[in-house]
Amino acid sequence: MLEIHQLPKRYGGRTVALVAPVVLVVAWGVAWIASHASARAGGHLHTLFQTAALTESVVALLLRRRKPIGALVGILVAYLFFQLDPLLLPPLLLALLNVALQKERRTVLLATAATAAAVVALPLTGRAPVGLVAYLLPRLLGVAAAAALGLWARTRITKERQ
């Protein structure tokens, strides 16, 4: 029986598990940028910043196995700097999930707190809506779910290997 965390060798094993989520992030990002591209004055510059944010998050996600904390910090910085919540929230949650899969509980709690603080801080910049129920609560639940899923999966994998 195949285990969830191990793919058959014919599919590249770890490579597929590493790259497949990044491909989904790229597809989402390209679709989002294309749907929000505008022909108005300065629209090309805005599209350039969106593309730079997507590129940074993709590079960080590709390096997430080697440097999980570095990948999360890089995406957190881009999340706060570019203020593109719909574009950068999926890679942010994926990076947090990866930290929860690889690091000890204390590090995961600190990473989750930092991610939650960034999500809460973004509306304070004035660029995102401030609605608690419609905006903030779903994102904070997503942060908690990513961390919890990573911790749960790590304990399951550890128990199966024993």
Protein backbone atom coordinates (compact mmCIF):
# COMPACT_ATOMS: atom_id res chain seq x y z
CA MET A 1 0.00 0.00 0.00
CA LEU A 2 1.32 3.45 -0.93
CA GLU A 3 1.85 5.94 1.86
CA ILE A 4 0.70 9.50 1.44
CA HIS A 5 4.11 11.03 2.10
CA GLN A 6 5.99 8.74 -0.28
CA LEU A 7 5.28 8.62 -3.99
CA PRO A 8 6.38 5.78 -6.24
CA LYS A 9 9.82 6.26 -7.76
CA ARG A 10 8.38 6.44 -11.28
CA TYR A 11 6.79 9.79 -10.41
CA GLY A 12 9.96 11.34 -9.06
CA GLY A 13 9.01 10.91 -5.41
CA ARG A 14 10.15 14.00 -3.55
CA THR A 15 10.44 16.10 -6.70
CA VAL A 16 6.73 15.85 -7.45
CA ALA A 17 5.81 16.56 -3.83
CA LEU A 18 8.12 19.58 -3.85
CA VAL A 19 7.15 21.04 -7.21
CA ALA A 20 3.41 20.26 -7.53
CA PRO A 21 2.24 22.83 -4.94
CA VAL A 22 4.53 25.42 -6.50
CA VAL A 23 2.99 24.78 -9.92
CA LEU A 24 -0.45 25.39 -8.40
CA VAL A 25 0.79 28.64 -6.83
CA VAL A 26 2.22 29.74 -10.19
CA ALA A 27 -1.03 28.90 -12.00
CA TRP A 28 -3.08 30.80 -9.41
CA GLY A 29 -0.67 33.75 -9.49
CA VAL A 30 -0.57 34.04 -13.27
CA ALA A 31 -4.37 33.81 -13.47
CA TRP A 32 -4.77 36.42 -10.73
CA ILE A 33 -2.25 38.81 -12.32
CA ALA A 34 -3.86 38.40 -15.76
CA SER A 35 -7.33 39.07 -14.37
CA HIS A 36 -6.14 42.20 -12.54
CA ALA A 37 -3.92 43.64 -15.27
CA SER A 38 -5.05 47.06 -16.37
CA ALA A 39 -4.33 49.23 -19.37
CA ARG A 40 -4.60 52.46 -17.36
CA ALA A 41 -1.62 54.70 -16.66
CA GLY A 42 0.84 52.96 -14.37
CA GLY A 43 -0.87 49.60 -14.87
CA HIS A 44 2.25 48.05 -16.34
CA LEU A 45 4.28 49.03 -13.30
CA HIS A 46 1.67 47.48 -11.01
CA THR A 47 1.75 44.26 -13.06
CA LEU A 48 5.56 44.30 -12.78
CA PHE A 49 5.33 44.50 -8.96
CA GLN A 50 2.78 41.68 -8.91
CA THR A 51 5.05 39.54 -11.06
CA ALA A 52 8.04 40.32 -8.80
CA ALA A 53 6.02 39.30 -5.74
CA LEU A 54 4.94 36.06 -7.39
CA THR A 55 8.50 35.31 -8.51
CA GLU A 56 9.89 35.88 -5.02
CA SER A 57 7.31 33.58 -3.47
CA VAL A 58 7.91 30.86 -6.06
CA VAL A 59 11.69 30.95 -5.51
CA ALA A 60 11.16 30.81 -1.74
CA LEU A 61 8.79 27.86 -2.09
CA LEU A 62 11.25 25.98 -4.27
CA LEU A 63 13.89 26.40 -1.54
CA ARG A 64 11.52 25.56 1.32
CA ARG A 65 12.93 22.08 2.02
CA ARG A 66 16.45 23.40 2.64
CA LYS A 67 15.52 26.60 4.46
CA PRO A 68 11.92 26.42 5.71
CA ILE A 69 12.23 29.41 8.04
CA GLY A 70 14.02 31.46 5.38
CA ALA A 71 11.29 30.68 2.86
CA LEU A 72 8.59 31.73 5.32
CA VAL A 73 10.40 34.94 6.25
CA GLY A 74 10.95 35.82 2.59
CA ILE A 75 7.28 35.36 1.78
CA LEU A 76 6.25 37.26 4.94
CA VAL A 77 8.41 40.22 3.88
CA ALA A 78 6.93 40.15 0.37
CA TYR A 79 3.43 39.82 1.85
CA LEU A 80 3.90 42.97 3.92
CA PHE A 81 5.93 44.92 1.34
CA PHE A 82 3.79 44.28 -1.74
CA GLN A 83 0.48 44.08 0.17
CA LEU A 84 -0.99 41.61 -2.33
CA ASP A 85 -3.01 39.39 -0.03
CA PRO A 86 -4.89 37.37 -2.70
CA LEU A 87 -1.65 36.66 -4.57
CA LEU A 88 0.65 35.92 -1.63
CA LEU A 89 -1.62 34.27 0.93
CA PRO A 90 -1.48 30.78 -0.70
CA PRO A 91 2.35 30.69 -0.78
CA LEU A 92 2.43 32.07 2.77
CA LEU A 93 0.21 29.26 4.04
CA LEU A 94 2.21 26.66 2.11
CA ALA A 95 5.46 27.95 3.62
CA LEU A 96 3.94 27.83 7.13
CA LEU A 97 2.72 24.27 6.49
CA ASN A 98 6.25 23.32 5.48
CA VAL A 99 7.71 24.83 8.66
CA ALA A 100 5.20 22.82 10.70
CA LEU A 101 6.23 19.66 8.85
CA GLN A 102 9.96 20.13 9.47
CA LYS A 103 10.56 22.05 12.68
CA GLU A 104 9.95 21.49 16.38
CA ARG A 105 6.81 22.77 18.12
CA ARG A 106 8.35 25.90 19.59
CA THR A 107 9.57 27.07 16.20
CA VAL A 108 6.19 26.24 14.67
CA LEU A 109 4.41 28.30 17.36
CA LEU A 110 6.70 31.27 16.75
CA ALA A 111 6.28 30.99 12.97
CA THR A 112 2.50 30.75 13.36
CA ALA A 113 2.45 33.80 15.63
CA ALA A 114 4.59 35.79 13.17
CA THR A 115 2.37 34.78 10.26
CA ALA A 116 -0.79 35.67 12.19
CA ALA A 117 0.74 39.03 13.16
CA ALA A 118 1.51 39.78 9.50
CA VAL A 119 -2.03 38.86 8.47
CA VAL A 120 -3.45 41.12 11.19
CA ALA A 121 -1.00 43.94 10.36
CA LEU A 122 -1.86 44.06 6.65
CA PRO A 123 -5.28 45.72 7.09
CA LEU A 124 -3.68 48.33 9.34
CA THR A 125 -1.75 49.64 6.33
CA GLY A 126 -5.00 50.80 4.76
CA ARG A 127 -4.63 48.71 1.61
CA ALA A 128 -6.82 45.79 2.65
CA PRO A 129 -10.34 45.67 4.06
CA VAL A 130 -10.63 45.64 7.83
CA GLY A 131 -13.74 43.47 8.20
CA LEU A 132 -13.25 41.05 11.05
CA VAL A 133 -15.67 38.33 9.95
CA ALA A 134 -15.32 38.61 6.17
CA TYR A 135 -11.60 39.30 5.93
CA LEU A 136 -9.53 38.67 9.03
CA LEU A 137 -11.19 35.61 10.57
CA PRO A 138 -10.93 33.35 7.47
CA ARG A 139 -7.26 34.24 7.03
CA LEU A 140 -6.42 33.60 10.68
CA LEU A 141 -8.27 30.28 10.49
CA GLY A 142 -6.20 29.46 7.40
CA VAL A 143 -2.99 30.22 9.30
CA ALA A 144 -4.08 28.04 12.23
CA ALA A 145 -5.19 25.25 9.89
CA ALA A 146 -1.87 25.25 7.99
CA ALA A 147 0.12 24.97 11.22
CA ALA A 148 -2.20 22.33 12.69
CA LEU A 149 -2.18 20.26 9.50
CA GLY A 150 1.61 20.34 9.36
CA LEU A 151 1.96 19.30 13.00
CA TRP A 152 -0.62 16.54 12.59
CA ALA A 153 1.04 15.20 9.44
CA ARG A 154 4.47 15.26 11.06
CA THR A 155 3.27 13.22 14.05
CA ARG A 156 1.56 10.71 11.72
CA ILE A 157 4.69 10.32 9.61
CA THR A 158 6.85 9.92 12.75
CA LYS A 159 4.53 7.25 14.16
CA GLU A 160 4.50 5.34 10.86
CA ARG A 161 8.28 5.27 10.69
CA GLN A 162 8.66 3.80 14.18
